[in-house]
Protein backbone atom coordinates (compact mmCIF):
# COMPACT_ATOMS: atom_id res chain seq x y z
CA UNK A 1 114.37 54.04 128.05
CA UNK A 2 113.20 57.40 128.04
CA UNK A 3 116.61 58.75 126.58
CA UNK A 4 116.29 56.48 123.65
CA UNK A 5 112.67 57.47 123.04
CA UNK A 6 113.54 61.00 123.16
CA UNK A 7 116.36 60.57 120.74
CA UNK A 8 113.98 58.78 118.14
CA UNK A 9 111.45 61.64 118.87
CA UNK A 10 114.02 64.46 118.33
CA UNK A 11 115.49 62.85 115.13
CA UNK A 12 111.77 62.37 113.79
CA UNK A 13 110.38 65.85 114.58
CA UNK A 14 113.21 68.12 115.64
CA UNK A 15 116.00 66.99 113.40
CA UNK A 16 117.81 70.52 113.46
CA UNK A 17 118.44 69.95 117.09
CA UNK A 18 120.74 66.78 116.84
CA UNK A 19 123.77 68.82 115.48
CA UNK A 20 123.35 71.04 118.64
CA UNK A 21 123.27 68.37 121.13
CA UNK A 22 126.10 66.09 121.83
CA UNK A 23 124.59 63.24 123.53
CA UNK A 24 127.79 61.51 124.53
CA UNK A 25 129.63 64.58 125.49
CA UNK A 26 131.13 65.28 128.95
CA UNK A 27 128.74 67.08 131.30
CA UNK A 28 131.29 68.85 133.45
CA UNK A 29 129.22 72.01 134.51
CA UNK A 30 125.66 70.21 135.41
CA UNK A 31 125.07 67.62 138.00
CA UNK A 32 121.90 65.70 138.78
CA UNK A 33 121.57 65.72 142.70
CA UNK A 34 119.25 63.74 144.61
CA UNK A 35 116.97 65.57 147.20
CA UNK A 36 115.23 64.51 150.34
CA UNK A 37 111.93 64.06 148.57
CA UNK A 38 113.41 61.51 146.03
CA UNK A 39 113.11 63.83 143.17
CA UNK A 40 116.38 65.01 141.66
CA UNK A 41 117.66 68.72 141.25
CA UNK A 42 120.07 70.10 139.03
CA UNK A 43 123.33 72.05 139.99
CA UNK A 44 124.99 74.22 137.55
CA UNK A 45 128.67 74.58 138.57
CA UNK A 46 130.04 77.99 137.75
CA UNK A 47 133.62 78.96 138.49
CA UNK A 48 133.01 80.78 141.66
CA UNK A 49 129.51 79.25 142.99
CA UNK A 50 126.97 76.67 142.36
CA UNK A 51 123.40 77.69 141.19
CA UNK A 52 120.53 75.02 141.82
CA UNK A 53 117.57 75.14 139.10
CA UNK A 54 115.21 73.57 141.59
CA UNK A 55 114.83 73.04 145.10
CA UNK A 56 117.22 71.07 146.87
CA UNK A 57 114.36 69.65 149.16
CA UNK A 58 111.19 69.21 147.17
CA UNK A 59 111.37 70.32 143.42
CA UNK A 60 107.96 69.16 142.73
CA UNK A 61 105.98 71.08 145.46
CA UNK A 62 108.15 74.13 144.40
CA UNK A 63 106.89 73.59 140.70
CA UNK A 64 103.21 73.46 141.94
CA UNK A 65 103.61 76.53 143.93
CA UNK A 66 105.24 78.36 140.97
CA UNK A 67 102.67 77.34 138.48
CA UNK A 68 99.64 78.29 140.65
CA UNK A 69 100.08 82.03 139.52
CA UNK A 70 99.19 80.83 135.93
CA UNK A 71 96.21 78.66 136.71
CA UNK A 72 93.47 81.23 136.64
CA UNK A 73 94.67 82.91 133.12
CA UNK A 74 93.76 81.93 129.63
CA UNK A 75 96.69 80.99 127.47
CA UNK A 76 96.94 80.44 123.55
CA UNK A 77 100.53 79.27 123.45
CA UNK A 78 103.06 79.05 126.44
CA UNK A 79 106.95 79.28 126.04
CA UNK A 80 108.88 77.88 128.78
CA UNK A 81 112.27 79.53 129.16
CA UNK A 82 114.39 77.08 130.98
CA UNK A 83 113.36 73.38 131.22
CA UNK A 84 115.50 72.15 134.14
CA UNK A 85 114.01 68.79 134.86
CA UNK A 86 110.63 69.76 133.50
CA UNK A 87 108.72 69.84 137.05
CA UNK A 88 107.11 73.09 136.20
CA UNK A 89 106.10 71.82 132.75
CA UNK A 90 104.80 68.72 134.10
CA UNK A 91 102.54 70.55 136.56
CA UNK A 92 101.44 73.14 133.89
CA UNK A 93 100.31 70.24 131.43
CA UNK A 94 98.16 68.77 134.17
CA UNK A 95 96.34 72.12 134.70
CA UNK A 96 96.05 72.90 130.84
CA UNK A 97 96.31 69.41 128.98
CA UNK A 98 94.79 71.13 125.69
CA UNK A 99 97.18 74.24 125.60
CA UNK A 100 100.08 74.14 123.12
CA UNK A 101 103.48 74.87 124.45
CA UNK A 102 107.11 75.02 123.50
CA UNK A 103 110.45 75.07 125.29
CA UNK A 104 113.58 77.19 125.10
CA UNK A 105 116.71 75.93 126.87
CA UNK A 106 119.80 77.99 127.18
CA UNK A 107 122.08 75.40 128.09
CA UNK A 108 122.85 72.14 125.95
CA UNK A 109 124.28 70.13 129.01
CA UNK A 110 120.91 70.86 130.86
CA UNK A 111 118.89 69.59 127.83
CA UNK A 112 120.86 66.46 127.81
CA UNK A 113 120.01 65.94 131.56
CA UNK A 114 116.29 66.88 130.95
CA UNK A 115 115.88 64.31 128.20
CA UNK A 116 117.20 61.65 130.45
CA UNK A 117 114.41 62.44 132.96
CA UNK A 118 111.28 63.25 130.89
CA UNK A 119 109.52 61.25 128.33
CA UNK A 120 108.58 63.86 125.66
CA UNK A 121 106.07 61.58 123.92
CA UNK A 122 103.84 62.02 126.91
CA UNK A 123 103.58 65.77 126.13
CA UNK A 124 101.25 65.69 123.18
CA UNK A 125 100.78 69.51 123.10
CA UNK A 126 104.47 70.02 122.78
CA UNK A 127 105.09 72.16 119.60
CA UNK A 128 108.62 73.71 119.11
CA UNK A 129 111.90 73.06 120.90
CA UNK A 130 114.87 75.34 120.84
CA UNK A 131 118.16 74.79 122.48
CA UNK A 132 120.62 77.57 122.39
CA UNK A 133 124.17 77.27 121.27
CA UNK A 134 125.15 81.07 120.59
CA UNK A 135 123.67 84.62 120.78
CA UNK A 136 123.19 84.75 117.01
CA UNK A 137 121.32 81.34 116.94
CA UNK A 138 119.13 82.69 119.85
CA UNK A 139 117.90 85.66 117.99
CA UNK A 140 117.23 83.58 114.96
CA UNK A 141 115.09 80.91 117.13
CA UNK A 142 113.27 83.80 118.84
CA UNK A 143 112.42 85.22 115.48
CA UNK A 144 111.22 81.86 114.15
CA UNK A 145 108.85 81.38 117.41
CA UNK A 146 107.21 84.80 117.09
CA UNK A 147 106.50 83.90 113.45
CA UNK A 148 105.15 80.54 113.94
CA UNK A 149 102.90 81.74 116.88
CA UNK A 150 101.80 85.20 115.59
CA UNK A 151 103.15 86.63 118.88
CA UNK A 152 100.15 85.56 120.99
CA UNK A 153 102.16 83.75 123.61
CA UNK A 154 102.48 83.61 127.45
CA UNK A 155 106.47 83.35 128.38
CA UNK A 156 107.11 81.40 131.57
CA UNK A 157 110.73 81.56 132.89
CA UNK A 158 112.09 79.96 135.80
CA UNK A 159 113.43 82.61 138.36
CA UNK A 160 116.53 80.45 139.01
CA UNK A 161 117.53 80.61 135.21
CA UNK A 162 117.22 84.63 135.58
CA UNK A 163 120.05 84.12 138.11
CA UNK A 164 121.90 81.35 136.73
CA UNK A 165 121.99 82.64 133.09
CA UNK A 166 121.50 86.21 133.72
CA UNK A 167 123.44 87.29 130.61
CA UNK A 168 121.83 84.87 128.19
CA UNK A 169 118.26 85.67 129.75
CA UNK A 170 118.80 89.30 129.25
CA UNK A 171 119.73 88.71 125.38
CA UNK A 172 116.91 86.50 125.06
CA UNK A 173 114.40 88.81 126.75
CA UNK A 174 115.50 91.78 124.43
CA UNK A 175 115.41 89.64 121.57
CA UNK A 176 111.75 88.55 122.32
CA UNK A 177 110.71 92.19 123.15
CA UNK A 178 112.15 93.42 119.81
CA UNK A 179 110.67 90.57 117.73
CA UNK A 180 107.02 91.06 119.41
CA UNK A 181 107.25 94.85 118.79
CA UNK A 182 107.82 94.04 115.29
CA UNK A 183 105.22 91.40 115.07
CA UNK A 184 102.55 93.82 116.83
CA UNK A 185 103.49 96.56 114.20
CA UNK A 186 103.21 94.24 111.20
CA UNK A 187 100.07 92.98 112.76
CA UNK A 188 98.50 96.35 113.08
CA UNK A 189 99.38 97.00 109.42
CA UNK A 190 97.61 93.98 108.23
CA UNK A 191 94.85 94.80 110.36
CA UNK A 192 94.52 98.15 109.09
CA UNK A 193 94.76 96.86 105.27
CA UNK A 194 93.21 93.34 104.94
CA UNK A 195 89.64 94.40 104.62
CA UNK A 196 90.63 97.57 102.70
CA UNK A 197 92.32 95.61 99.80
CA UNK A 198 89.22 93.95 98.96
CA UNK A 199 86.83 96.92 99.38
CA UNK A 200 89.03 98.92 97.15
CA UNK A 201 89.69 96.43 94.63
CA UNK A 202 85.85 95.86 94.25
CA UNK A 203 85.15 99.65 94.36
CA UNK A 204 87.96 100.55 91.89
CA UNK A 205 86.94 97.81 89.54
CA UNK A 206 84.82 99.90 87.28
CA UNK A 207 88.00 102.23 86.73
CA UNK A 208 90.45 99.30 86.25
CA UNK A 209 88.49 97.50 83.49
CA UNK A 210 88.35 100.92 81.66
CA UNK A 211 92.20 101.80 82.28
CA UNK A 212 94.96 100.19 80.77
CA UNK A 213 97.62 97.96 82.30
CA UNK A 214 101.15 99.68 82.91
CA UNK A 215 102.51 96.15 81.90
CA UNK A 216 101.24 96.24 78.28
CA UNK A 217 103.87 99.34 78.03
CA UNK A 218 106.85 97.15 78.41
CA UNK A 219 108.22 97.91 74.92
CA UNK A 220 108.07 101.66 75.71
CA UNK A 221 110.37 101.31 78.83
CA UNK A 222 112.80 98.46 78.07
CA UNK A 223 116.10 99.58 78.32
CA UNK A 224 115.36 103.04 78.80
CA UNK A 225 116.55 105.09 82.03
CA UNK A 226 113.97 106.01 84.64
CA UNK A 227 113.89 108.26 87.69
CA UNK A 228 111.90 107.36 90.59
CA UNK A 229 111.44 110.62 92.56
CA UNK A 230 110.42 110.25 96.26
CA UNK A 231 109.54 113.04 98.61
CA UNK A 232 112.49 112.86 100.97
CA UNK A 233 114.39 116.37 102.04
CA UNK A 234 116.99 115.84 99.59
CA UNK A 235 114.63 116.38 96.59
CA UNK A 236 114.87 119.88 97.14
CA UNK A 237 118.62 119.95 96.23
CA UNK A 238 117.79 118.28 92.93
CA UNK A 239 114.90 120.18 91.49
CA UNK A 240 117.24 122.09 88.79
CA UNK A 241 118.77 118.73 87.82
CA UNK A 242 115.36 117.26 87.44
CA UNK A 243 114.21 120.09 85.35
CA UNK A 244 117.11 119.75 83.10
CA UNK A 245 116.26 115.98 82.67
CA UNK A 246 112.69 116.73 81.90
CA UNK A 247 113.37 119.41 79.36
CA UNK A 248 116.14 117.36 77.37
CA UNK A 249 114.16 114.13 77.71
CA UNK A 250 117.00 112.16 78.58
CA UNK A 251 114.98 109.88 81.18
CA UNK A 252 111.35 109.22 82.12
CA UNK A 253 110.67 110.81 85.57
CA UNK A 254 107.95 109.22 87.73
CA UNK A 255 106.82 110.81 91.06
CA UNK A 256 106.03 108.38 93.95
CA UNK A 257 103.61 109.21 96.75
CA UNK A 258 103.70 112.92 97.96
CA UNK A 259 106.72 113.84 95.57
CA UNK A 260 104.30 114.84 93.01
CA UNK A 261 103.33 117.96 95.01
CA UNK A 262 106.71 119.10 95.29
CA UNK A 263 107.41 118.51 91.52
CA UNK A 264 104.42 120.62 90.59
CA UNK A 265 105.21 123.37 93.15
CA UNK A 266 108.41 123.72 91.22
CA UNK A 267 107.00 123.65 87.84
CA UNK A 268 108.02 120.13 86.65
CA UNK A 269 105.45 117.84 85.13
CA UNK A 270 106.48 114.28 85.48
CA UNK A 271 105.96 111.62 82.98
CA UNK A 272 103.40 109.90 85.49
CA UNK A 273 102.81 109.55 89.28
CA UNK A 274 102.58 106.16 90.90
CA UNK A 275 100.32 105.49 93.90
CA UNK A 276 98.86 102.70 95.72
CA UNK A 277 98.31 103.25 99.35
CA UNK A 278 94.86 101.58 100.32
CA UNK A 279 94.00 104.37 102.83
CA UNK A 280 90.85 106.37 101.90
CA UNK A 281 92.85 109.49 102.63
CA UNK A 282 95.46 108.59 99.73
CA UNK A 283 93.46 110.84 97.41
CA UNK A 284 95.47 113.92 99.24
CA UNK A 285 98.64 112.82 97.46
CA UNK A 286 96.92 114.02 94.09
CA UNK A 287 95.02 116.65 95.51
CA UNK A 288 97.13 119.21 93.64
CA UNK A 289 96.48 117.57 90.38
CA UNK A 290 92.79 117.21 90.87
CA UNK A 291 92.39 120.87 92.02
CA UNK A 292 94.31 122.33 89.16
CA UNK A 293 92.88 119.88 86.79
CA UNK A 294 96.14 118.80 85.10
CA UNK A 295 95.04 116.09 82.48
CA UNK A 296 98.62 115.42 81.05
CA UNK A 297 100.15 113.29 84.14
CA UNK A 298 99.19 109.40 83.73
CA UNK A 299 98.41 107.97 87.05
CA UNK A 300 99.84 104.47 87.64
CA UNK A 301 97.80 103.11 90.44
CA UNK A 302 97.60 99.72 92.36
CA UNK A 303 94.06 98.21 91.90
CA UNK A 304 93.84 98.25 95.68
CA UNK A 305 94.55 101.87 95.98
CA UNK A 306 92.27 103.94 98.49
CA UNK A 307 88.76 104.16 97.41
CA UNK A 308 88.22 107.58 96.11
CA UNK A 309 91.71 108.10 94.78
CA UNK A 310 90.37 107.38 91.06
CA UNK A 311 87.17 109.05 91.15
CA UNK A 312 88.05 112.75 90.01
CA UNK A 313 91.48 112.04 88.63
CA UNK A 314 91.56 114.32 85.44
CA UNK A 315 94.25 112.48 83.60
CA UNK A 316 94.78 109.12 82.04
CA UNK A 317 95.17 105.87 84.26
CA UNK A 318 96.93 102.78 84.02
CA UNK A 319 96.64 99.98 86.73
CA UNK A 320 99.00 97.30 88.08
CA UNK A 321 98.01 94.42 90.38
CA UNK A 322 99.80 93.34 93.63
CA UNK A 323 99.52 90.17 95.57
CA UNK A 324 96.72 91.70 97.66
CA UNK A 325 94.15 91.65 94.74
CA UNK A 326 92.70 88.00 94.41
CA UNK A 327 89.56 89.65 92.75
CA UNK A 328 91.62 90.81 89.60
CA UNK A 329 93.57 87.66 89.79
CA UNK A 330 90.50 85.39 89.16
CA UNK A 331 88.47 87.95 86.85
CA UNK A 332 91.15 89.57 84.50
CA UNK A 333 93.71 88.34 81.90
CA UNK A 334 94.86 89.46 78.62
CA UNK A 335 93.07 88.84 75.32
CA UNK A 336 95.69 86.26 74.16
CA UNK A 337 95.03 84.25 77.52
CA UNK A 338 98.08 85.19 79.55
CA UNK A 339 97.89 86.31 83.06
CA UNK A 340 99.08 89.83 84.23
CA UNK A 341 102.06 90.29 86.14
CA UNK A 342 101.84 91.02 89.98
CA UNK A 343 103.80 92.90 92.35
CA UNK A 344 104.53 92.22 95.73
CA UNK A 345 102.83 94.50 98.33
CA UNK A 346 105.38 96.56 100.00
CA UNK A 347 105.47 99.30 103.18
CA UNK A 348 105.93 102.14 100.45
CA UNK A 349 105.10 102.94 96.91
CA UNK A 350 108.87 103.65 96.43
CA UNK A 351 109.51 99.93 96.98
CA UNK A 352 106.53 98.95 94.49
CA UNK A 353 107.82 101.30 92.02
CA UNK A 354 111.29 99.88 92.22
CA UNK A 355 109.65 96.38 91.25
CA UNK A 356 107.67 97.83 88.71
CA UNK A 357 110.37 99.62 86.68
CA UNK A 358 112.55 96.66 87.15
CA UNK A 359 109.86 94.35 85.64
CA UNK A 360 109.54 96.82 82.76
CA UNK A 361 112.95 96.54 81.87
CA UNK A 362 114.29 99.93 82.72
CA UNK A 363 117.81 100.47 82.87
CA UNK A 364 119.41 102.23 84.71
CA UNK A 365 116.80 102.88 87.58
CA UNK A 366 117.83 106.19 89.49
CA UNK A 367 116.45 107.22 92.73
CA UNK A 368 115.97 110.87 93.85
CA UNK A 369 114.72 112.12 97.18
CA UNK A 370 115.02 108.54 98.72
CA UNK A 371 116.21 109.63 102.03
CA UNK A 372 114.52 107.12 104.31
CA UNK A 373 115.77 109.35 107.09
CA UNK A 374 115.85 112.85 108.43
CA UNK A 375 117.54 115.69 106.90
CA UNK A 376 117.94 119.46 108.16
CA UNK A 377 115.10 119.02 110.51
CA UNK A 378 112.92 117.69 107.84
CA UNK A 379 110.82 114.70 107.24
CA UNK A 380 109.72 115.63 103.69
CA UNK A 381 110.74 117.85 100.99
CA UNK A 382 109.25 121.51 100.83
CA UNK A 383 105.74 121.93 99.21
CA UNK A 384 104.60 118.96 100.80
CA UNK A 385 101.53 118.61 103.08
CA UNK A 386 100.65 114.87 103.94
CA UNK A 387 97.22 115.09 105.84
CA UNK A 388 97.95 117.15 108.97
CA UNK A 389 101.81 116.78 108.93
CA UNK A 390 103.99 119.18 106.98
CA UNK A 391 107.56 118.70 105.63
CA UNK A 392 109.17 119.50 109.20
CA UNK A 393 109.94 117.22 111.93
CA UNK A 394 107.65 116.72 114.99
CA UNK A 395 108.61 116.04 118.43
CA UNK A 396 107.32 112.56 118.16
CA UNK A 397 109.55 111.70 115.15
CA UNK A 398 112.69 112.90 117.01
CA UNK A 399 111.58 110.70 120.25
CA UNK A 400 111.23 107.63 118.02
CA UNK A 401 114.46 108.09 116.10
CA UNK A 402 117.40 105.77 115.79
CA UNK A 403 120.72 105.96 113.74
CA UNK A 404 121.83 104.31 110.30
CA UNK A 405 124.45 104.75 108.05
CA UNK A 406 124.17 107.27 105.41
CA UNK A 407 125.57 107.07 101.79
CA UNK A 408 128.65 109.04 102.83
CA UNK A 409 129.29 106.77 105.74
CA UNK A 410 128.00 109.06 108.38
CA UNK A 411 125.11 108.39 110.94
CA UNK A 412 121.80 109.88 110.22
CA UNK A 413 118.42 109.75 112.36
CA UNK A 414 115.58 107.54 110.88
CA UNK A 415 112.33 105.81 112.24
CA UNK A 416 110.86 102.39 112.12
CA UNK A 417 108.89 103.30 109.14
CA UNK A 418 111.47 104.50 106.93
CA UNK A 419 113.97 101.63 108.10
CA UNK A 420 111.35 98.97 107.19
CA UNK A 421 111.18 100.50 103.82
CA UNK A 422 114.75 100.44 103.45
CA UNK A 423 114.98 97.00 104.50
CA UNK A 424 112.09 95.78 102.13
CA UNK A 425 113.94 97.67 99.29
CA UNK A 426 117.22 95.77 100.02
CA UNK A 427 115.42 92.36 100.07
CA UNK A 428 114.40 93.18 96.35
CA UNK A 429 117.64 94.54 95.31
CA UNK A 430 119.38 91.49 96.07
CA UNK A 431 117.84 89.87 92.82
CA UNK A 432 118.36 92.92 90.83
CA UNK A 433 122.04 92.47 90.17
CA UNK A 434 121.57 92.45 86.52
CA UNK A 435 120.53 96.21 86.43
CA UNK A 436 122.27 99.42 87.32
CA UNK A 437 120.39 100.87 90.38
CA UNK A 438 121.49 104.37 91.30
CA UNK A 439 120.89 106.28 94.55
CA UNK A 440 121.29 110.19 94.03
CA UNK A 441 119.89 110.87 97.58
CA UNK A 442 122.13 113.62 99.24
CA UNK A 443 122.81 112.43 102.78
CA UNK A 444 120.07 109.77 102.66
CA UNK A 445 120.39 106.26 104.25
CA UNK A 446 122.62 103.97 102.59
CA UNK A 447 120.65 101.22 100.51
CA UNK A 448 122.53 98.03 99.95
CA UNK A 449 122.21 96.89 96.33
CA UNK A 450 122.40 100.43 94.91
CA UNK A 451 125.48 102.49 94.03
CA UNK A 452 125.58 106.18 95.32
CA UNK A 453 126.33 108.96 92.76
CA UNK A 454 125.63 112.62 92.51
CA UNK A 455 122.60 113.25 89.96
CA UNK A 456 124.89 115.76 88.17
CA UNK A 457 127.37 113.01 87.49
CA UNK A 458 124.56 110.68 86.62
CA UNK A 459 123.37 113.24 83.94
CA UNK A 460 127.04 113.31 82.55
CA UNK A 461 127.67 109.76 82.49
CA UNK A 462 124.38 107.91 82.05
CA UNK A 463 121.96 110.52 80.64
CA UNK A 464 123.73 112.01 77.72
CA UNK A 465 121.41 110.73 74.85
CA UNK A 466 118.29 113.38 74.51
CA UNK A 467 114.84 113.10 73.17
CA UNK A 468 114.51 109.45 74.13
CA UNK A 469 111.15 109.85 76.05
CA UNK A 470 107.70 109.79 74.53
CA UNK A 471 105.17 112.23 75.83
CA UNK A 472 102.39 110.00 74.64
CA UNK A 473 103.79 106.70 76.00
CA UNK A 474 100.32 105.79 77.86
CA UNK A 475 98.05 105.90 74.81
CA UNK A 476 96.56 102.33 74.18
CA UNK A 477 94.95 101.33 71.05
CA UNK A 478 94.41 97.63 71.81
CA UNK A 479 91.81 96.41 74.63
CA UNK A 480 93.69 95.32 77.73
CA UNK A 481 91.41 92.74 78.91
CA UNK A 482 89.72 89.76 77.71
CA UNK A 483 85.90 90.87 78.01
CA UNK A 484 84.32 87.66 77.29
CA UNK A 485 86.52 85.85 79.97
CA UNK A 486 85.97 88.50 82.50
CA UNK A 487 82.01 88.07 81.94
CA UNK A 488 82.25 84.16 82.14
CA UNK A 489 84.46 84.51 85.42
CA UNK A 490 81.97 86.85 86.88
CA UNK A 491 79.10 84.35 86.01
CA UNK A 492 81.02 81.77 87.99
CA UNK A 493 81.75 83.86 90.86
CA UNK A 494 78.23 85.10 90.85
CA UNK A 495 76.98 81.35 91.20
CA UNK A 496 79.30 80.76 94.17
CA UNK A 497 78.11 83.80 95.83
CA UNK A 498 74.48 82.63 95.55
CA UNK A 499 75.73 79.21 97.06
CA UNK A 500 77.76 80.95 100.00
CA UNK A 501 74.61 82.65 101.07
CA UNK A 502 72.94 79.51 101.86
CA UNK A 503 76.34 77.81 103.03
CA UNK A 504 76.86 80.59 105.75
CA UNK A 505 73.36 80.41 106.98
CA UNK A 506 73.66 76.61 107.30
CA UNK A 507 76.96 77.18 109.26
CA UNK A 508 75.17 79.75 111.75
CA UNK A 509 72.02 77.51 112.27
CA UNK A 510 74.31 74.63 113.23
CA UNK A 511 76.13 76.97 115.79
CA UNK A 512 72.77 77.93 117.22
CA UNK A 513 71.72 74.32 117.70
CA UNK A 514 75.19 73.25 119.26
CA UNK A 515 74.76 76.26 121.47
CA UNK A 516 71.52 74.96 122.66
CA UNK A 517 72.92 71.29 123.28
CA UNK A 518 75.66 72.81 125.37
CA UNK A 519 72.84 74.79 127.59
CA UNK A 520 70.89 71.43 127.82
CA UNK A 521 74.27 69.74 128.71
CA UNK A 522 73.49 67.11 126.00
CA UNK A 523 77.02 65.71 125.11
CA UNK A 524 75.41 63.23 122.63
CA UNK A 525 73.68 65.67 120.70
CA UNK A 526 76.42 68.05 120.59
CA UNK A 527 78.64 65.37 119.36
CA UNK A 528 76.27 64.64 116.49
CA UNK A 529 76.09 68.34 115.63
CA UNK A 530 79.69 68.99 115.82
CA UNK A 531 80.28 66.32 113.02
CA UNK A 532 77.48 68.02 110.86
CA UNK A 533 79.27 71.36 111.59
CA UNK A 534 82.79 70.05 110.49
CA UNK A 535 81.31 68.89 107.33
CA UNK A 536 79.16 72.24 106.79
CA UNK A 537 82.35 74.31 107.69
CA UNK A 538 84.61 72.46 105.32
CA UNK A 539 81.96 73.21 102.33
CA UNK A 540 81.92 76.91 103.45
CA UNK A 541 85.69 76.99 103.24
CA UNK A 542 85.92 75.46 99.68
CA UNK A 543 83.46 78.05 98.22
CA UNK A 544 85.29 80.28 95.58
CA UNK A 545 83.61 83.51 96.39
CA UNK A 546 84.60 82.90 100.06
CA UNK A 547 88.04 82.13 99.12
CA UNK A 548 88.29 85.14 96.72
CA UNK A 549 86.57 87.91 98.41
CA UNK A 550 85.86 86.97 102.17
CA UNK A 551 88.88 85.02 103.24
CA UNK A 552 91.32 87.67 102.24
CA UNK A 553 89.46 90.19 104.41
CA UNK A 554 89.78 87.84 107.45
CA UNK A 555 93.33 86.36 107.24
CA UNK A 556 94.58 87.33 110.55
CA UNK A 557 91.30 86.02 112.35
CA UNK A 558 91.83 82.80 110.44
CA UNK A 559 95.37 82.38 111.26
CA UNK A 560 94.69 83.03 114.89
CA UNK A 561 91.83 80.44 114.57
CA UNK A 562 94.31 77.78 113.14
CA UNK A 563 96.30 78.36 116.31
CA UNK A 564 93.61 77.55 118.52
CA UNK A 565 92.67 74.07 116.84
CA UNK A 566 95.08 72.29 118.90
CA UNK A 567 93.14 73.33 121.99
CA UNK A 568 89.80 72.50 120.49
CA UNK A 569 90.87 69.09 118.88
CA UNK A 570 92.40 67.81 122.11
CA UNK A 571 89.79 68.90 124.40
CA UNK A 572 88.44 65.48 125.99
CA UNK A 573 85.21 66.99 127.42
CA UNK A 574 82.44 67.32 124.36
CA UNK A 575 80.55 70.09 126.02
CA UNK A 576 83.62 72.09 126.61
CA UNK A 577 84.88 71.32 123.09
CA UNK A 578 81.59 72.24 121.66
CA UNK A 579 81.81 75.49 123.68
CA UNK A 580 85.21 76.37 122.01
CA UNK A 581 83.95 75.62 118.61
CA UNK A 582 81.03 78.16 119.36
CA UNK A 583 83.40 80.66 120.70
CA UNK A 584 86.35 80.55 118.78
CA UNK A 585 85.06 79.44 115.13
CA UNK A 586 81.71 81.04 115.65
CA UNK A 587 82.97 84.52 116.26
CA UNK A 588 85.08 84.29 112.83
CA UNK A 589 82.00 82.86 111.05
CA UNK A 590 79.89 85.70 112.41
CA UNK A 591 82.53 88.36 111.48
CA UNK A 592 82.73 86.75 107.89
CA UNK A 593 78.79 87.01 107.47
CA UNK A 594 79.01 90.71 108.62
CA UNK A 595 81.59 91.39 105.75
CA UNK A 596 79.49 89.42 103.33
CA UNK A 597 76.64 91.98 103.92
CA UNK A 598 79.00 94.99 104.00
CA UNK A 599 80.77 94.04 100.75
CA UNK A 600 77.46 93.19 98.95
CA UNK A 601 76.93 96.63 97.54
CA UNK A 602 80.41 96.81 96.17
CA UNK A 603 80.24 93.34 94.72
CA UNK A 604 77.04 94.16 92.92
CA UNK A 605 78.44 97.46 91.56
CA UNK A 606 81.48 95.47 90.23
CA UNK A 607 79.01 93.10 88.62
CA UNK A 608 77.15 96.01 87.02
CA UNK A 609 80.41 97.34 85.59
CA UNK A 610 81.11 94.10 83.99
CA UNK A 611 77.89 93.74 82.27
CA UNK A 612 78.20 97.31 81.07
CA UNK A 613 81.66 96.67 79.55
C-alpha cells in the first residue's frame, strides 16, 4: 500500500523522478535485512564487501542518537543526503514538524527500497526529492536545490553514506560547496545593490527627465560598425589602431567603464562613454572628464548609476533603463505612448553595452581590450586608477586566480569576477547570431559567440568605408518623454504613497497588539489578531508605491520570508505561530518602514523635478 501511494504521489508532484526509477527492476546490490529490534536495515553489496546503511541491531535507536546533535539548532531548510529507510528523517520530523526538508539519494535501488518502507504522504513538509543517476545530473540537481532555497540550508548526511558511497558523496559535497559559494557571491552582489538601484533612480530622476534616451538614436547607429573599448591590458596594444579609426571616422568608438581614462591619456576622444555601476564611487570612472571639463563626450548612463556620477558631468547625457529600475518603468514613456526598451542588468558595463549596441542595430560590433583575464602582470590597461587600485596585479588577484582558454587556445589566468562577466556575455551572445561580433583582444579569454580577429585585419576587411560617423549624433530636437503622462503617473504614485503611510502604521500597530497577546498568553486574542494582520498585510503588499519603490529595495528579505512561510503556516501552537509572525514578518515590515523614511527626501525631490518639468 505504501508503494502504491508513493508512486501516485511521485507521479503527481515529482514526475521527473519516474524516468529515473525502474520500479520493477532487479535489486541486486541492495538487500532489506531484518534486525533483532524488528526494524529492517539495508545492506549494500559491493564486489569486495558489504556496507550497512543502518545499525544491524536497532536502527531506530541509532537514528535518534544521530539526530540529537541537531535538536538544539534552528533550521530554515534541511537537505538529507542519503535516505536509507528514512529512520533519521522520521526522527527529525518528530522534533521539527514545521521545518521544510528535502532528500537526496545517490542510489536508485536504495530509493526503491525506501518508498516501499515509508509513506511520503505523511511527511507534510517534504519539498524536493532528488535521486541521482549520474555525476552530471548530480551537479544540476545541486544547482537547482541551491537556487530553490537561496542556499539557506542545513545538510544532514548519514555517516554510513560517506563510507558506502565515498566517490559520489565527495562529488556531491564539492558540487554543493561550489554552488553555495556562487550563491553567496550573488547574494552579496544583490545585497549591495538592491537598495542602491532605487535610491539612485530617484536621485538621478531630475537628470534623466532632462537627458535624452539613447534608444531614440537608433536611426543613427543602425547598420553602422561600433567599437566597444574596455579597460583590459590589451588595450595598450591597440591605441594607434583606435586613433586611426577615430580620425578616419570608420566606426563609432564607445568607452566602457574605466577605458575612458586610458583613451584620454592617449589623446583619443571617443564618440561616447558608457557607465552604469550603482556604487557611489562610480564617479571616479569619469573623474578625468570632469576635472578637464571635456564637453564633447556624451555620457550614456544607466538610470540607476551611482548617485553623484551625473551631478558635475560637463558634457551631454543620454540615459538607458535596465530591469532594475521600476520607477522609470511606471513614470516614463515616449510621446507616442510606447514604452522604452529595457536592458538586462549585468555584472559589467561591457555586457550592458553589448546588449545596448546590439539593440541599436550596430553591425559589426567590435570588442577591444576585453581581456576578462590577466595579461603581462596587469589587471587593467595603463593610465587607469580605479579607487585605490592601479593597473598592476595585486597578490590577492594572483591567489584567487584560475585558468581559462584564451583566443589563441592557450591558458590564461582569470578570476571569479572576470569569469562571471564572460559567462554572462556568452549567455547573451547565443541570441545574437544574426550579427557579426568580433573580439580583437590580444591574449584575452575566449568568448563563445564571437570570432577573433586582429584589429588591424578588421580595419582592412570591415572598416574600409570612411566618414560614416556623425560627431553630433547625440543632439536631440524632439522631447524624449511624455510630460503629461509623467505628471499623471506621479500623481497616482503620490496617492499610493499617502495611502501606504497609513497602511504601514496599521500593520505595525497590529504587530504590537499581537506581541501583547503573546506576553499575556492569550491564544484566542492572538488568533483574532493574526487574521486581522493577514488582511492588513495583504493590503500593504498590494500598494503600488510599495511595489514600485520599497519592495525592490527588500527583495532578498522578502524571498527569505517566503521560505519561512511553511514553518509559520504549519505551526500548530497559536502563540508560537504568532511569535514567528512577529519575529519574521515583523522584522521585514520594520525594515521597510525604515526605508520609507530614508527614501522620502529623494522621492519628494523627484516629485519636485516632475512639477518643474
